[in-house]
Amino acid sequence: LTVASTAEHEPLGDICFSLRYVPSTSKLTVVILEAKNLKIMDSNHFSDPYVKVVLLLQKKKWKKKKTSVKKNTLTPYFNEAFTFDVELKQIPVVDLLVSVWDHDKVQRNEEIGKVLLC
């Protein structure tokens, strides 16, 4: 995972996900499996992570979904699948943004890190 707003190289963690596209049905499936070694974001030395999956069509937000929040963990297991309708002709201009966030009830949710597949 990387942070877009800084040039720092602090470890933010790892995320494991899979992609599958079926041209005959025009379905793109993104499975968010797990994250490991996430950065500590809360005072209790844990985070409350969840993952946002965003499809960008020609660099603009197009479709988005998010996982459930996993409380007090730096190694969340999600195993959540998201299916998007994407025409074959759109595939060359669709990017995938996967970002990990820390859920917070009092303050704004904070982004831990993200990865962009172009």
N, C-alpha and C. Protein backbone atom coordinates (compact mmCIF):
# COMPACT_ATOMS: atom_id res chain seq x y z
N LEU A 1 0.84 -1.19 0.00
CA LEU A 1 0.00 0.00 0.00
C LEU A 1 0.88 1.24 0.00
N THR A 2 0.40 2.31 -0.64
CA THR A 2 1.13 3.57 -0.66
C THR A 2 0.20 4.70 -0.29
N VAL A 3 0.78 5.79 0.17
CA VAL A 3 0.04 7.00 0.46
C VAL A 3 0.31 7.99 -0.66
N ALA A 4 -0.75 8.49 -1.29
CA ALA A 4 -0.58 9.38 -2.43
C ALA A 4 -0.13 10.77 -2.01
N SER A 5 -0.47 11.19 -0.80
CA SER A 5 -0.22 12.57 -0.39
C SER A 5 1.18 12.82 0.18
N THR A 6 1.97 11.78 0.42
CA THR A 6 3.30 12.00 0.97
C THR A 6 4.33 11.20 0.20
N ALA A 7 5.57 11.62 0.36
CA ALA A 7 6.67 10.90 -0.28
C ALA A 7 7.36 10.00 0.73
N GLU A 8 6.81 9.87 1.93
CA GLU A 8 7.41 9.03 2.96
C GLU A 8 7.38 7.57 2.54
N HIS A 9 8.28 6.80 3.13
CA HIS A 9 8.34 5.38 2.82
C HIS A 9 8.11 4.54 4.06
N GLU A 10 7.20 4.96 4.94
CA GLU A 10 6.89 4.17 6.11
C GLU A 10 6.04 2.98 5.70
N PRO A 11 6.20 1.85 6.37
CA PRO A 11 5.39 0.68 6.03
C PRO A 11 3.92 0.90 6.39
N LEU A 12 3.05 0.67 5.43
CA LEU A 12 1.62 0.87 5.62
C LEU A 12 0.85 -0.44 5.67
N GLY A 13 1.47 -1.51 5.19
CA GLY A 13 0.84 -2.82 5.20
C GLY A 13 0.73 -3.42 3.82
N ASP A 14 0.11 -4.57 3.78
CA ASP A 14 -0.08 -5.33 2.54
C ASP A 14 -1.54 -5.68 2.38
N ILE A 15 -1.97 -5.78 1.12
CA ILE A 15 -3.35 -6.20 0.86
C ILE A 15 -3.33 -7.30 -0.19
N CYS A 16 -4.20 -8.27 0.00
CA CYS A 16 -4.32 -9.39 -0.94
C CYS A 16 -5.72 -9.35 -1.56
N PHE A 17 -5.77 -9.25 -2.88
CA PHE A 17 -7.05 -9.25 -3.57
C PHE A 17 -6.89 -9.93 -4.91
N SER A 18 -8.02 -10.34 -5.50
CA SER A 18 -7.98 -10.99 -6.82
C SER A 18 -8.97 -10.32 -7.76
N LEU A 19 -8.68 -10.45 -9.04
CA LEU A 19 -9.53 -9.89 -10.10
C LEU A 19 -9.90 -11.00 -11.07
N ARG A 20 -11.13 -10.92 -11.56
CA ARG A 20 -11.56 -11.86 -12.60
C ARG A 20 -12.52 -11.12 -13.52
N TYR A 21 -12.24 -11.21 -14.82
CA TYR A 21 -13.15 -10.61 -15.81
C TYR A 21 -13.66 -11.70 -16.74
N VAL A 22 -14.99 -11.74 -16.91
CA VAL A 22 -15.62 -12.72 -17.81
C VAL A 22 -16.23 -11.95 -18.97
N PRO A 23 -15.60 -11.98 -20.14
CA PRO A 23 -16.10 -11.20 -21.28
C PRO A 23 -17.51 -11.58 -21.73
N SER A 24 -17.85 -12.86 -21.64
CA SER A 24 -19.18 -13.29 -22.12
C SER A 24 -20.32 -12.70 -21.29
N THR A 25 -20.05 -12.35 -20.04
CA THR A 25 -21.09 -11.77 -19.18
C THR A 25 -20.82 -10.30 -18.85
N SER A 26 -19.68 -9.79 -19.29
CA SER A 26 -19.26 -8.41 -18.99
C SER A 26 -19.20 -8.14 -17.49
N LYS A 27 -18.70 -9.11 -16.75
CA LYS A 27 -18.63 -8.99 -15.29
C LYS A 27 -17.17 -8.96 -14.82
N LEU A 28 -16.86 -7.94 -14.01
CA LEU A 28 -15.57 -7.84 -13.36
C LEU A 28 -15.80 -8.13 -11.88
N THR A 29 -15.12 -9.13 -11.36
CA THR A 29 -15.25 -9.48 -9.94
C THR A 29 -13.94 -9.16 -9.23
N VAL A 30 -14.06 -8.41 -8.14
CA VAL A 30 -12.93 -8.08 -7.30
C VAL A 30 -13.18 -8.73 -5.94
N VAL A 31 -12.25 -9.57 -5.52
CA VAL A 31 -12.36 -10.22 -4.21
C VAL A 31 -11.29 -9.63 -3.30
N ILE A 32 -11.74 -9.02 -2.21
CA ILE A 32 -10.82 -8.49 -1.20
C ILE A 32 -10.64 -9.61 -0.18
N LEU A 33 -9.45 -10.17 -0.13
CA LEU A 33 -9.20 -11.32 0.73
C LEU A 33 -8.78 -10.90 2.14
N GLU A 34 -7.64 -10.24 2.25
CA GLU A 34 -7.14 -9.88 3.56
C GLU A 34 -6.10 -8.77 3.46
N ALA A 35 -5.78 -8.20 4.61
CA ALA A 35 -4.68 -7.24 4.71
C ALA A 35 -3.81 -7.68 5.88
N LYS A 36 -2.54 -7.30 5.83
CA LYS A 36 -1.61 -7.69 6.89
C LYS A 36 -0.69 -6.52 7.21
N ASN A 37 -0.23 -6.51 8.46
CA ASN A 37 0.76 -5.54 8.90
C ASN A 37 0.34 -4.09 8.67
N LEU A 38 -0.96 -3.80 8.88
CA LEU A 38 -1.44 -2.45 8.66
C LEU A 38 -0.85 -1.47 9.68
N LYS A 39 -0.75 -0.24 9.27
CA LYS A 39 -0.26 0.82 10.13
C LYS A 39 -1.23 1.03 11.29
N ILE A 40 -0.70 1.25 12.49
CA ILE A 40 -1.53 1.56 13.66
C ILE A 40 -2.12 2.94 13.49
N MET A 41 -3.44 3.04 13.62
CA MET A 41 -4.12 4.32 13.42
C MET A 41 -4.84 4.81 14.68
N ASP A 42 -5.10 3.93 15.64
CA ASP A 42 -5.87 4.30 16.83
C ASP A 42 -4.99 4.26 18.07
N SER A 43 -5.44 4.93 19.12
CA SER A 43 -4.68 5.01 20.37
C SER A 43 -4.55 3.66 21.07
N ASN A 44 -5.40 2.70 20.74
CA ASN A 44 -5.31 1.36 21.34
C ASN A 44 -4.32 0.46 20.61
N HIS A 45 -3.52 1.05 19.70
CA HIS A 45 -2.49 0.35 18.92
C HIS A 45 -3.07 -0.62 17.89
N PHE A 46 -4.30 -0.38 17.47
CA PHE A 46 -4.92 -1.14 16.41
C PHE A 46 -5.50 -0.18 15.38
N SER A 47 -6.28 -0.71 14.47
CA SER A 47 -7.07 0.07 13.52
C SER A 47 -8.41 -0.62 13.36
N ASP A 48 -9.35 0.07 12.77
CA ASP A 48 -10.66 -0.50 12.43
C ASP A 48 -10.79 -0.44 10.91
N PRO A 49 -10.08 -1.32 10.20
CA PRO A 49 -9.97 -1.18 8.76
C PRO A 49 -11.18 -1.66 7.96
N TYR A 50 -11.35 -1.00 6.81
CA TYR A 50 -12.27 -1.45 5.77
C TYR A 50 -11.64 -1.06 4.45
N VAL A 51 -12.14 -1.64 3.36
CA VAL A 51 -11.55 -1.42 2.04
C VAL A 51 -12.59 -0.81 1.10
N LYS A 52 -12.17 0.22 0.37
CA LYS A 52 -13.00 0.79 -0.69
C LYS A 52 -12.46 0.30 -2.03
N VAL A 53 -13.37 -0.12 -2.90
CA VAL A 53 -13.02 -0.54 -4.25
C VAL A 53 -13.70 0.44 -5.20
N VAL A 54 -12.91 1.15 -5.98
CA VAL A 54 -13.46 2.16 -6.88
C VAL A 54 -13.00 1.87 -8.30
N LEU A 55 -13.95 1.87 -9.23
CA LEU A 55 -13.61 1.80 -10.65
C LEU A 55 -13.60 3.21 -11.19
N LEU A 56 -12.52 3.54 -11.91
CA LEU A 56 -12.39 4.84 -12.54
C LEU A 56 -12.56 4.64 -14.04
N LEU A 57 -13.46 5.38 -14.62
CA LEU A 57 -13.68 5.32 -16.08
C LEU A 57 -13.10 6.61 -16.66
N GLN A 58 -12.07 6.48 -17.45
CA GLN A 58 -11.35 7.62 -18.01
C GLN A 58 -10.93 8.59 -16.92
N LYS A 59 -10.36 8.04 -15.83
CA LYS A 59 -9.79 8.78 -14.69
C LYS A 59 -10.82 9.45 -13.78
N LYS A 60 -12.12 9.17 -13.96
CA LYS A 60 -13.17 9.73 -13.10
C LYS A 60 -13.87 8.61 -12.35
N LYS A 61 -14.23 8.87 -11.07
CA LYS A 61 -14.93 7.86 -10.28
C LYS A 61 -16.19 7.44 -11.01
N TRP A 62 -16.37 6.12 -11.12
CA TRP A 62 -17.48 5.58 -11.89
C TRP A 62 -18.37 4.69 -11.02
N LYS A 63 -17.76 3.69 -10.39
CA LYS A 63 -18.52 2.77 -9.54
C LYS A 63 -17.69 2.50 -8.29
N LYS A 64 -18.38 2.32 -7.14
CA LYS A 64 -17.63 2.04 -5.92
C LYS A 64 -18.41 1.14 -4.98
N LYS A 65 -17.65 0.38 -4.20
CA LYS A 65 -18.22 -0.49 -3.18
C LYS A 65 -17.21 -0.56 -2.03
N LYS A 66 -17.68 -0.99 -0.85
CA LYS A 66 -16.75 -1.11 0.26
C LYS A 66 -17.08 -2.32 1.12
N THR A 67 -16.05 -2.80 1.80
CA THR A 67 -16.19 -3.96 2.67
C THR A 67 -16.80 -3.55 4.00
N SER A 68 -17.04 -4.53 4.83
CA SER A 68 -17.43 -4.28 6.21
C SER A 68 -16.20 -3.82 6.99
N VAL A 69 -16.45 -3.20 8.13
CA VAL A 69 -15.37 -2.74 9.02
C VAL A 69 -14.97 -3.89 9.93
N LYS A 70 -13.67 -4.10 10.06
CA LYS A 70 -13.14 -5.11 10.98
C LYS A 70 -12.53 -4.37 12.18
N LYS A 71 -13.07 -4.59 13.34
CA LYS A 71 -12.70 -3.84 14.54
C LYS A 71 -11.40 -4.33 15.18
N ASN A 72 -10.60 -3.36 15.65
CA ASN A 72 -9.41 -3.61 16.47
C ASN A 72 -8.47 -4.68 15.92
N THR A 73 -8.01 -4.47 14.69
CA THR A 73 -7.10 -5.45 14.09
C THR A 73 -6.15 -4.76 13.11
N LEU A 74 -4.98 -5.34 12.98
CA LEU A 74 -4.01 -4.91 11.97
C LEU A 74 -3.86 -5.98 10.90
N THR A 75 -4.61 -7.07 11.05
CA THR A 75 -4.57 -8.18 10.08
C THR A 75 -5.99 -8.63 9.75
N PRO A 76 -6.79 -7.76 9.12
CA PRO A 76 -8.19 -8.11 8.86
C PRO A 76 -8.34 -9.16 7.76
N TYR A 77 -9.30 -10.04 7.95
CA TYR A 77 -9.68 -11.02 6.94
C TYR A 77 -11.07 -10.64 6.45
N PHE A 78 -11.19 -10.34 5.16
CA PHE A 78 -12.45 -9.88 4.59
C PHE A 78 -13.17 -10.97 3.80
N ASN A 79 -12.51 -11.51 2.80
CA ASN A 79 -13.10 -12.50 1.89
C ASN A 79 -14.46 -12.02 1.36
N GLU A 80 -14.47 -10.80 0.83
CA GLU A 80 -15.68 -10.20 0.29
C GLU A 80 -15.52 -9.96 -1.21
N ALA A 81 -16.52 -10.37 -1.97
CA ALA A 81 -16.48 -10.25 -3.43
C ALA A 81 -17.44 -9.16 -3.91
N PHE A 82 -16.97 -8.39 -4.88
CA PHE A 82 -17.78 -7.33 -5.48
C PHE A 82 -17.78 -7.54 -6.99
N THR A 83 -18.97 -7.50 -7.57
CA THR A 83 -19.10 -7.69 -9.01
C THR A 83 -19.60 -6.41 -9.66
N PHE A 84 -18.93 -6.03 -10.73
CA PHE A 84 -19.27 -4.82 -11.47
C PHE A 84 -19.60 -5.19 -12.92
N ASP A 85 -20.56 -4.50 -13.50
CA ASP A 85 -20.85 -4.64 -14.93
C ASP A 85 -19.92 -3.71 -15.69
N VAL A 86 -19.06 -4.30 -16.51
CA VAL A 86 -18.10 -3.53 -17.30
C VAL A 86 -18.05 -4.12 -18.70
N GLU A 87 -18.42 -3.34 -19.68
CA GLU A 87 -18.38 -3.81 -21.07
C GLU A 87 -16.92 -4.03 -21.51
N LEU A 88 -16.72 -4.99 -22.38
CA LEU A 88 -15.38 -5.32 -22.85
C LEU A 88 -14.68 -4.10 -23.45
N LYS A 89 -15.42 -3.26 -24.18
CA LYS A 89 -14.81 -2.08 -24.80
C LYS A 89 -14.36 -1.04 -23.77
N GLN A 90 -14.90 -1.13 -22.53
CA GLN A 90 -14.52 -0.19 -21.49
C GLN A 90 -13.25 -0.62 -20.74
N ILE A 91 -12.92 -1.88 -20.79
CA ILE A 91 -11.78 -2.41 -20.04
C ILE A 91 -10.49 -1.61 -20.26
N PRO A 92 -10.14 -1.21 -21.49
CA PRO A 92 -8.90 -0.46 -21.66
C PRO A 92 -8.87 0.91 -20.98
N VAL A 93 -10.03 1.47 -20.66
CA VAL A 93 -10.06 2.81 -20.05
C VAL A 93 -10.57 2.78 -18.61
N VAL A 94 -10.65 1.58 -18.02
CA VAL A 94 -11.07 1.45 -16.62
C VAL A 94 -9.84 1.15 -15.76
N ASP A 95 -9.70 1.93 -14.68
CA ASP A 95 -8.65 1.71 -13.69
C ASP A 95 -9.32 1.23 -12.41
N LEU A 96 -8.57 0.54 -11.58
CA LEU A 96 -9.07 0.03 -10.31
C LEU A 96 -8.29 0.66 -9.18
N LEU A 97 -9.00 1.29 -8.24
CA LEU A 97 -8.39 1.88 -7.05
C LEU A 97 -8.87 1.09 -5.83
N VAL A 98 -7.93 0.50 -5.11
CA VAL A 98 -8.24 -0.24 -3.89
C VAL A 98 -7.58 0.51 -2.75
N SER A 99 -8.38 1.00 -1.81
CA SER A 99 -7.83 1.77 -0.69
C SER A 99 -8.30 1.18 0.64
N VAL A 100 -7.41 1.23 1.61
CA VAL A 100 -7.70 0.73 2.95
C VAL A 100 -7.87 1.94 3.87
N TRP A 101 -8.95 1.93 4.64
CA TRP A 101 -9.31 3.05 5.50
C TRP A 101 -9.46 2.58 6.94
N ASP A 102 -9.24 3.52 7.86
CA ASP A 102 -9.50 3.29 9.28
C ASP A 102 -10.81 3.97 9.64
N HIS A 103 -11.78 3.17 10.08
CA HIS A 103 -13.09 3.71 10.47
C HIS A 103 -12.97 4.37 11.84
N ASP A 104 -13.57 5.54 11.98
CA ASP A 104 -13.53 6.27 13.24
C ASP A 104 -14.90 6.87 13.51
N LYS A 105 -15.44 6.60 14.70
CA LYS A 105 -16.78 7.10 15.04
C LYS A 105 -16.76 8.58 15.41
N VAL A 106 -15.65 9.07 15.95
CA VAL A 106 -15.58 10.44 16.45
C VAL A 106 -15.03 11.40 15.39
N GLN A 107 -13.92 11.03 14.78
CA GLN A 107 -13.29 11.88 13.77
C GLN A 107 -13.57 11.33 12.38
N ARG A 108 -13.02 12.01 11.38
CA ARG A 108 -13.17 11.53 10.01
C ARG A 108 -12.40 10.24 9.81
N ASN A 109 -12.91 9.38 8.96
CA ASN A 109 -12.19 8.17 8.60
C ASN A 109 -10.88 8.56 7.92
N GLU A 110 -9.81 7.81 8.21
CA GLU A 110 -8.50 8.13 7.65
C GLU A 110 -8.05 7.04 6.68
N GLU A 111 -7.48 7.47 5.57
CA GLU A 111 -6.93 6.52 4.62
C GLU A 111 -5.60 6.00 5.15
N ILE A 112 -5.47 4.68 5.15
CA ILE A 112 -4.20 4.06 5.55
C ILE A 112 -3.26 3.98 4.35
N GLY A 113 -3.78 3.53 3.22
CA GLY A 113 -2.98 3.43 2.01
C GLY A 113 -3.85 2.97 0.85
N LYS A 114 -3.24 2.97 -0.35
CA LYS A 114 -3.99 2.56 -1.53
C LYS A 114 -3.08 2.05 -2.62
N VAL A 115 -3.71 1.35 -3.55
CA VAL A 115 -3.01 0.86 -4.73
C VAL A 115 -3.90 1.15 -5.94
N LEU A 116 -3.29 1.59 -7.03
CA LEU A 116 -4.01 1.91 -8.26
C LEU A 116 -3.51 1.01 -9.37
N LEU A 117 -4.43 0.27 -10.00
CA LEU A 117 -4.09 -0.57 -11.15
C LEU A 117 -4.63 0.10 -12.40
N CYS A 118 -3.72 0.41 -13.31
CA CYS A 118 -4.11 1.10 -14.55
C CYS A 118 -4.04 0.15 -15.73
